[in-house]
Amino acid sequence: MKMTNPFSSKRVKTSSSSPFNMKNSIGLALAGLLVCCALLAAGCTGTGEDTTTAPSEINFGYQPSTHQVAYMLAMNKGWWSETLTPYGITVDKTKNEFQFPTGAPEMQAMLAGQIDVAYVGAAPVISALANGLDAKIVAGINTQGSDLVVRPDLDYQSPADLKGLSIATFPRGTIQDTLLRGWLAENGLDPDTDVDIREMGPGDAITAMTAGQIDATFLPHPAPTLLVEDGVGKIVVHSGEMFKGHACCVVVVSGDLIRNHPEIVEDIIRTHIRATEYAVANPDEAAQTFSDYTKYDINTVKASFAEWDGQWISDPSPYVESTMDYVNEQASLGYIKKPLTQDEIFDLSFYEKVVA
């Protein structure tokens, strides 16, 4: 069923009477000036923090979804190290890489200062920013790419057939939760009373579906393909049918890096673009990389690439409109107190500079 956008975003006194005191004052002032100049040259801001020196490490967050295979390619091929080592930044996969089941805990980790760069859905970024996260979206990752999967025996013809059913999806404020609730409401169903939406990560949702504990799932790939191949579900709606061309995953960078190390942000984006273009041009290698990373069967990954409706795109500008729709939807759901502006969410200048 083809649907349109379901969201309708202190001071020391000195005496001047004594020549000795005046000479002393001039000498102290000159000495102080020299010290200040030296400190400024060293990057001292007066807070004890050196903002001109690059951090020794950068921590990355990501999720085990085919949506974010560009991150995995860049790590496996050593491109993150190649990019950041000249700045004196260590990128050790065992120390600087953190995997999260969904975007909600990933954004909590970024709020806590545990990660600097996040590959994550655009929707959980909104909730995090509304709660004080100092960061911006600087690049896109993919559009669409999630599916509604129901039990094989369920005769699904329209959204009305979901009434009374249990559906597992990602936690509140994520892409999947925001999309699903908006789509259900557009189709006359109250997501809080007409269906039983259960918050789960992909592993728990797959297990629950396999055990017959739920009726449906709405998850990003490759989970839908795995459910189909295991014979416990069938795909009935692609997320692009719920909201055509909607933003999904994005690259989020900390405010510290943006303000104090813009050249590093630019190089992170260059590497992301390189990895994205490589994934598009080499899907078999991208599938193998994802399989190696997550231990999903390679044939399942290739099948997921073949049947998802997602697209890898690094340019963040196509993500703006639907992300602002997510803002309005989350405000109406009470997830955020007031809508955020585009400039509070995005910084498109880095991408524009990199590709100019």
Protein backbone atom coordinates (compact mmCIF):
# COMPACT_ATOMS: atom_id res chain seq x y z
CA MET A 1 0.00 0.00 0.00
CA LYS A 2 1.68 3.23 -1.15
CA MET A 3 1.45 5.96 1.43
CA THR A 4 2.59 9.56 1.53
CA ASN A 5 4.28 11.44 4.37
CA PRO A 6 2.40 10.33 7.55
CA PHE A 7 3.48 13.44 9.52
CA SER A 8 1.13 16.42 8.33
CA SER A 9 9.78 19.23 13.10
CA LYS A 10 38.92 40.93 40.96
CA ARG A 11 41.59 43.96 40.57
CA VAL A 12 44.98 44.90 42.20
CA LYS A 13 45.51 48.59 43.03
CA THR A 14 48.98 50.09 42.47
CA SER A 15 50.21 53.53 43.52
CA SER A 16 51.21 55.87 40.72
CA SER A 17 53.04 58.29 43.12
CA SER A 18 56.23 56.24 43.27
CA PRO A 19 58.49 55.87 40.19
CA PHE A 20 59.61 52.52 41.55
CA ASN A 21 56.03 51.28 41.74
CA MET A 22 55.27 52.56 38.25
CA LYS A 23 58.33 50.81 36.80
CA ASN A 24 57.30 47.67 38.63
CA SER A 25 53.79 47.90 37.20
CA ILE A 26 55.03 48.35 33.65
CA GLY A 27 57.41 45.43 34.04
CA LEU A 28 54.69 43.18 35.43
CA ALA A 29 52.28 44.20 32.70
CA LEU A 30 54.82 43.41 29.99
CA ALA A 31 55.63 40.10 31.60
CA GLY A 32 51.97 39.26 31.87
CA LEU A 33 51.41 40.16 28.24
CA LEU A 34 54.24 37.89 27.14
CA VAL A 35 52.84 35.04 29.22
CA CYS A 36 49.36 35.51 27.75
CA CYS A 37 50.75 35.53 24.22
CA ALA A 38 52.67 32.36 24.92
CA LEU A 39 49.58 30.69 26.35
CA LEU A 40 47.45 31.78 23.42
CA ALA A 41 50.01 30.44 21.00
CA ALA A 42 49.83 27.13 22.84
CA GLY A 43 46.06 27.12 22.48
CA CYS A 44 45.13 27.99 26.06
CA THR A 45 41.59 29.27 26.40
CA GLY A 46 41.82 30.20 30.06
CA THR A 47 39.87 27.12 31.08
CA GLY A 48 42.84 24.78 31.19
CA GLU A 49 41.59 23.02 28.03
CA ASP A 50 43.79 22.95 24.94
CA THR A 51 41.36 23.20 22.06
CA THR A 52 44.00 23.26 19.31
CA THR A 53 45.39 19.83 20.11
CA ALA A 54 43.49 16.95 18.58
CA PRO A 55 42.11 14.29 20.93
CA SER A 56 44.23 11.17 21.30
CA GLU A 57 41.27 8.93 20.50
CA ILE A 58 37.91 9.13 18.76
CA ASN A 59 35.18 6.69 19.71
CA PHE A 60 32.66 5.48 17.15
CA GLY A 61 29.18 4.12 17.74
CA TYR A 62 27.23 2.00 15.26
CA GLN A 63 24.52 -0.66 14.99
CA PRO A 64 24.62 -4.13 13.38
CA SER A 65 22.43 -3.21 10.42
CA THR A 66 23.16 -3.30 6.71
CA HIS A 67 22.23 0.40 6.77
CA GLN A 68 25.61 1.16 8.36
CA VAL A 69 27.90 -1.05 6.28
CA ALA A 70 29.91 2.02 5.15
CA TYR A 71 31.23 2.40 8.70
CA MET A 72 32.24 -1.27 8.77
CA LEU A 73 34.00 -1.05 5.41
CA ALA A 74 35.99 2.00 6.53
CA MET A 75 37.08 0.20 9.70
CA ASN A 76 37.90 -3.12 8.03
CA LYS A 77 39.90 -1.46 5.27
CA GLY A 78 41.83 0.71 7.74
CA TRP A 79 40.44 3.93 6.31
CA TRP A 80 39.56 5.40 9.71
CA SER A 81 43.16 4.87 10.86
CA GLU A 82 44.49 6.21 7.57
CA THR A 83 42.39 9.34 8.02
CA LEU A 84 42.94 10.02 11.71
CA THR A 85 46.48 8.80 12.44
CA PRO A 86 48.06 11.95 10.91
CA TYR A 87 46.27 13.91 13.66
CA GLY A 88 47.81 11.64 16.31
CA ILE A 89 44.44 9.96 16.86
CA THR A 90 44.33 6.27 17.63
CA VAL A 91 41.52 4.20 16.14
CA ASP A 92 41.62 0.74 17.69
CA LYS A 93 38.66 -1.46 16.81
CA THR A 94 38.84 -3.21 20.18
CA LYS A 95 38.87 0.06 22.16
CA ASN A 96 37.26 2.78 20.07
CA GLU A 97 34.32 0.99 18.50
CA PHE A 98 31.02 0.50 20.33
CA GLN A 99 28.06 -1.48 19.01
CA PHE A 100 24.51 -0.70 20.09
CA PRO A 101 21.31 -2.67 19.43
CA THR A 102 19.29 0.48 18.64
CA GLY A 103 19.69 4.24 18.43
CA ALA A 104 18.22 4.97 21.87
CA PRO A 105 21.10 3.56 23.97
CA GLU A 106 23.59 4.85 21.40
CA MET A 107 22.39 8.41 21.91
CA GLN A 108 22.44 7.93 25.68
CA ALA A 109 26.11 6.96 25.33
CA MET A 110 26.80 10.05 23.25
CA LEU A 111 25.02 12.22 25.82
CA ALA A 112 27.33 10.70 28.44
CA GLY A 113 30.38 11.61 26.32
CA GLN A 114 31.31 8.00 25.61
CA ILE A 115 31.28 8.31 21.82
CA ASP A 116 32.31 11.14 19.49
CA VAL A 117 30.94 9.97 16.15
CA ALA A 118 27.69 8.05 15.81
CA TYR A 119 26.19 6.12 12.94
CA VAL A 120 22.56 6.24 14.04
CA GLY A 121 18.99 6.89 12.97
CA ALA A 122 17.96 10.52 12.53
CA ALA A 123 14.97 10.23 14.89
CA PRO A 124 16.81 9.29 18.12
CA VAL A 125 19.17 12.20 17.44
CA ILE A 126 16.19 14.55 17.79
CA SER A 127 15.27 13.22 21.24
CA ALA A 128 18.91 13.40 22.36
CA LEU A 129 19.36 16.97 21.12
CA ALA A 130 16.17 17.97 22.91
CA ASN A 131 17.70 16.55 26.08
CA GLY A 132 20.95 18.49 25.81
CA LEU A 133 23.15 16.54 23.40
CA ASP A 134 25.92 18.75 21.97
CA ALA A 135 26.23 17.40 18.44
CA LYS A 136 24.99 17.82 14.86
CA ILE A 137 24.11 15.65 11.88
CA VAL A 138 26.85 16.23 9.29
CA ALA A 139 26.22 13.50 6.70
CA GLY A 140 23.63 11.02 5.54
CA ILE A 141 23.94 7.23 5.50
CA ASN A 142 20.81 5.73 4.01
CA THR A 143 17.17 6.25 3.24
CA GLN A 144 14.34 3.76 3.90
CA GLY A 145 15.39 0.11 4.49
CA SER A 146 13.03 -1.25 7.19
CA ASP A 147 10.15 -3.69 6.74
CA LEU A 148 6.94 -4.72 8.46
CA VAL A 149 7.00 -8.51 8.82
CA VAL A 150 3.95 -10.49 9.96
CA ARG A 151 3.32 -14.15 10.78
CA PRO A 152 3.16 -16.32 7.65
CA ASP A 153 -0.39 -17.41 8.46
CA LEU A 154 -1.72 -13.86 8.81
CA ASP A 155 -3.84 -12.68 5.90
CA TYR A 156 -2.60 -9.11 5.64
CA GLN A 157 -4.44 -6.89 3.20
CA SER A 158 -4.31 -3.45 4.85
CA PRO A 159 -3.16 -1.74 8.07
CA ALA A 160 -6.60 -2.47 9.56
CA ASP A 161 -5.57 -6.12 9.73
CA LEU A 162 -3.01 -5.21 12.41
CA LYS A 163 -5.67 -4.22 14.93
CA GLY A 164 -5.29 -6.24 18.13
CA LEU A 165 -1.89 -7.59 17.13
CA SER A 166 1.47 -7.31 18.90
CA ILE A 167 4.30 -5.63 16.96
CA ALA A 168 7.93 -5.52 18.09
CA THR A 169 9.98 -2.53 17.03
CA PHE A 170 12.81 -0.33 18.29
CA PRO A 171 12.34 1.81 21.45
CA ARG A 172 10.43 5.09 21.58
CA GLY A 173 12.04 7.92 19.66
CA THR A 174 13.81 5.72 17.13
CA ILE A 175 13.23 5.80 13.37
CA GLN A 176 11.19 2.61 13.41
CA ASP A 177 9.01 3.64 16.37
CA THR A 178 8.38 7.11 14.93
CA LEU A 179 7.56 5.80 11.46
CA LEU A 180 5.33 2.97 12.65
CA ARG A 181 3.27 5.16 14.99
CA GLY A 182 2.81 7.87 12.37
CA TRP A 183 1.78 5.36 9.71
CA LEU A 184 -0.67 3.57 11.99
CA ALA A 185 -2.29 6.87 12.97
CA GLU A 186 -2.56 7.93 9.33
CA ASN A 187 -4.41 4.69 8.67
CA GLY A 188 -6.95 5.12 11.45
CA LEU A 189 -5.30 3.03 14.15
CA ASP A 190 -4.37 4.32 17.60
CA PRO A 191 -0.81 3.04 18.17
CA ASP A 192 -1.37 3.02 21.94
CA THR A 193 -4.68 1.17 22.07
CA ASP A 194 -5.40 -0.59 18.78
CA VAL A 195 -2.07 -2.44 18.61
CA ASP A 196 0.41 -3.71 21.20
CA ILE A 197 3.75 -2.09 20.30
CA ARG A 198 6.61 -3.75 22.17
CA GLU A 199 10.04 -2.14 22.45
CA MET A 200 12.81 -4.55 21.49
CA GLY A 201 16.24 -4.66 19.91
CA PRO A 202 16.65 -6.76 16.75
CA GLY A 203 17.91 -9.88 18.51
CA ASP A 204 15.09 -9.97 21.04
CA ALA A 205 12.49 -9.23 18.37
CA ILE A 206 13.72 -12.04 16.13
CA THR A 207 13.71 -14.45 19.08
CA ALA A 208 10.19 -13.42 20.09
CA MET A 209 8.90 -13.80 16.54
CA THR A 210 10.52 -17.20 16.20
CA ALA A 211 8.97 -18.33 19.48
CA GLY A 212 5.52 -17.15 18.39
CA GLN A 213 5.35 -14.60 21.21
CA ILE A 214 4.51 -11.69 18.90
CA ASP A 215 2.56 -11.28 15.68
CA ALA A 216 4.79 -8.89 13.74
CA THR A 217 8.01 -6.90 13.70
CA PHE A 218 9.08 -3.61 12.17
CA LEU A 219 12.87 -3.72 11.95
CA PRO A 220 15.74 -2.53 9.73
CA HIS A 221 17.52 -4.94 7.44
CA PRO A 222 18.78 -7.60 7.48
CA ALA A 223 16.36 -8.74 10.22
CA PRO A 224 13.32 -8.92 7.89
CA THR A 225 15.16 -11.20 5.47
CA LEU A 226 16.33 -13.45 8.28
CA LEU A 227 12.74 -13.85 9.53
CA VAL A 228 11.56 -14.74 6.04
CA GLU A 229 14.36 -17.25 5.47
CA ASP A 230 13.64 -18.88 8.83
CA GLY A 231 10.01 -19.29 7.78
CA VAL A 232 8.59 -17.32 10.70
CA GLY A 233 7.50 -14.21 8.85
CA LYS A 234 6.61 -12.54 5.56
CA ILE A 235 7.32 -8.98 4.44
CA VAL A 236 4.11 -7.05 3.82
CA VAL A 237 5.12 -3.36 3.87
CA HIS A 238 8.42 -1.62 3.10
CA SER A 239 9.16 1.55 5.07
CA GLY A 240 9.29 3.47 1.80
CA GLU A 241 5.60 2.66 1.39
CA MET A 242 4.94 4.21 4.79
CA PHE A 243 6.95 7.35 4.04
CA LYS A 244 8.55 7.52 0.61
CA GLY A 245 12.23 8.55 0.62
CA HIS A 246 12.34 9.01 4.39
CA ALA A 247 15.61 9.67 6.20
CA CYS A 248 16.98 6.74 8.11
CA CYS A 249 20.58 6.62 9.39
CA VAL A 250 22.89 9.64 9.61
CA VAL A 251 26.40 10.53 10.77
CA VAL A 252 26.40 12.57 13.99
CA VAL A 253 29.54 14.34 15.28
CA SER A 254 30.13 15.90 18.70
CA GLY A 255 29.99 19.66 19.13
CA ASP A 256 33.56 19.63 20.45
CA LEU A 257 34.89 18.23 17.19
CA ILE A 258 32.75 20.60 15.15
CA ARG A 259 33.85 23.74 17.01
CA ASN A 260 37.48 22.92 17.81
CA HIS A 261 38.58 20.45 15.12
CA PRO A 262 36.65 21.19 11.92
CA GLU A 263 39.45 19.74 9.77
CA ILE A 264 38.96 16.38 11.48
CA VAL A 265 35.21 16.53 10.84
CA GLU A 266 35.89 17.21 7.17
CA ASP A 267 38.19 14.19 6.91
CA ILE A 268 35.67 11.98 8.70
CA ILE A 269 33.10 12.98 6.10
CA ARG A 270 35.57 12.36 3.25
CA THR A 271 36.18 8.86 4.57
CA HIS A 272 32.46 8.24 4.98
CA ILE A 273 31.78 9.33 1.40
CA ARG A 274 34.58 7.06 0.18
CA ALA A 275 33.14 4.08 2.06
CA THR A 276 29.58 4.80 0.92
CA GLU A 277 30.57 5.00 -2.73
CA TYR A 278 32.60 1.81 -2.33
CA ALA A 279 29.61 -0.04 -0.88
CA VAL A 280 27.40 1.05 -3.75
CA ALA A 281 29.99 0.00 -6.35
CA ASN A 282 30.98 -3.26 -4.61
CA PRO A 283 27.86 -4.76 -3.00
CA ASP A 284 29.29 -8.27 -2.80
CA GLU A 285 32.34 -7.07 -0.85
CA ALA A 286 30.06 -4.91 1.29
CA ALA A 287 27.94 -7.99 2.01
CA GLN A 288 31.02 -10.01 2.95
CA THR A 289 32.25 -7.23 5.23
CA PHE A 290 28.87 -7.08 6.95
CA SER A 291 28.81 -10.86 7.30
CA ASP A 292 32.32 -10.88 8.81
CA TYR A 293 31.35 -8.10 11.21
CA THR A 294 28.04 -9.52 12.41
CA LYS A 295 28.35 -13.27 11.66
CA TYR A 296 25.17 -13.22 9.60
CA ASP A 297 25.22 -15.82 6.83
CA ILE A 298 26.59 -14.25 3.64
CA ASN A 299 23.71 -15.51 1.53
CA THR A 300 21.20 -13.95 3.93
CA VAL A 301 23.04 -10.63 3.67
CA LYS A 302 23.05 -10.75 -0.13
CA ALA A 303 19.36 -11.60 -0.13
CA SER A 304 18.74 -8.64 2.19
CA PHE A 305 20.59 -6.32 -0.20
CA ALA A 306 18.42 -7.60 -3.03
CA GLU A 307 15.04 -7.10 -1.36
CA TRP A 308 15.38 -4.04 0.87
CA ASP A 309 14.07 -0.72 -0.38
CA GLY A 310 16.95 1.27 1.13
CA GLN A 311 19.61 3.35 -0.57
CA TRP A 312 23.05 4.41 0.68
CA ILE A 313 23.44 8.19 0.27
CA SER A 314 26.07 10.31 2.08
CA ASP A 315 24.68 13.74 1.13
CA PRO A 316 22.70 15.01 4.18
CA SER A 317 20.52 17.50 2.30
CA PRO A 318 17.87 14.94 1.17
CA TYR A 319 17.42 13.96 4.83
CA VAL A 320 16.40 17.39 6.08
CA GLU A 321 12.72 17.47 5.14
CA SER A 322 11.73 14.08 6.55
CA THR A 323 13.85 14.65 9.68
CA MET A 324 11.92 17.85 10.33
CA ASP A 325 8.75 15.79 9.93
CA TYR A 326 10.09 13.45 12.62
CA VAL A 327 10.54 16.53 14.83
CA ASN A 328 6.88 17.43 14.49
CA GLU A 329 5.78 13.85 15.04
CA GLN A 330 7.90 13.46 18.18
CA ALA A 331 6.54 16.76 19.53
CA SER A 332 2.98 15.55 18.94
CA LEU A 333 3.78 12.24 20.65
CA GLY A 334 5.22 14.09 23.65
CA TYR A 335 8.72 12.70 23.14
CA ILE A 336 10.15 16.25 23.03
CA LYS A 337 8.79 19.39 24.71
CA LYS A 338 9.05 21.64 21.67
CA PRO A 339 10.15 21.31 18.05
CA LEU A 340 13.80 21.87 17.13
CA THR A 341 14.95 23.96 14.18
CA GLN A 342 16.93 22.64 11.24
CA ASP A 343 20.03 24.53 12.41
CA GLU A 344 19.77 22.90 15.82
CA ILE A 345 19.92 19.48 14.18
CA PHE A 346 22.05 19.80 11.05
CA ASP A 347 25.37 21.33 10.02
CA LEU A 348 25.45 20.92 6.25
CA SER A 349 28.48 23.19 5.78
CA PHE A 350 31.06 20.45 6.27
CA TYR A 351 29.64 18.20 3.59
CA GLU A 352 29.21 21.13 1.21
CA LYS A 353 32.85 22.16 1.73
CA VAL A 354 34.13 18.61 1.24
CA VAL A 355 32.32 18.09 -2.07
CA ALA A 356 32.80 21.65 -3.42
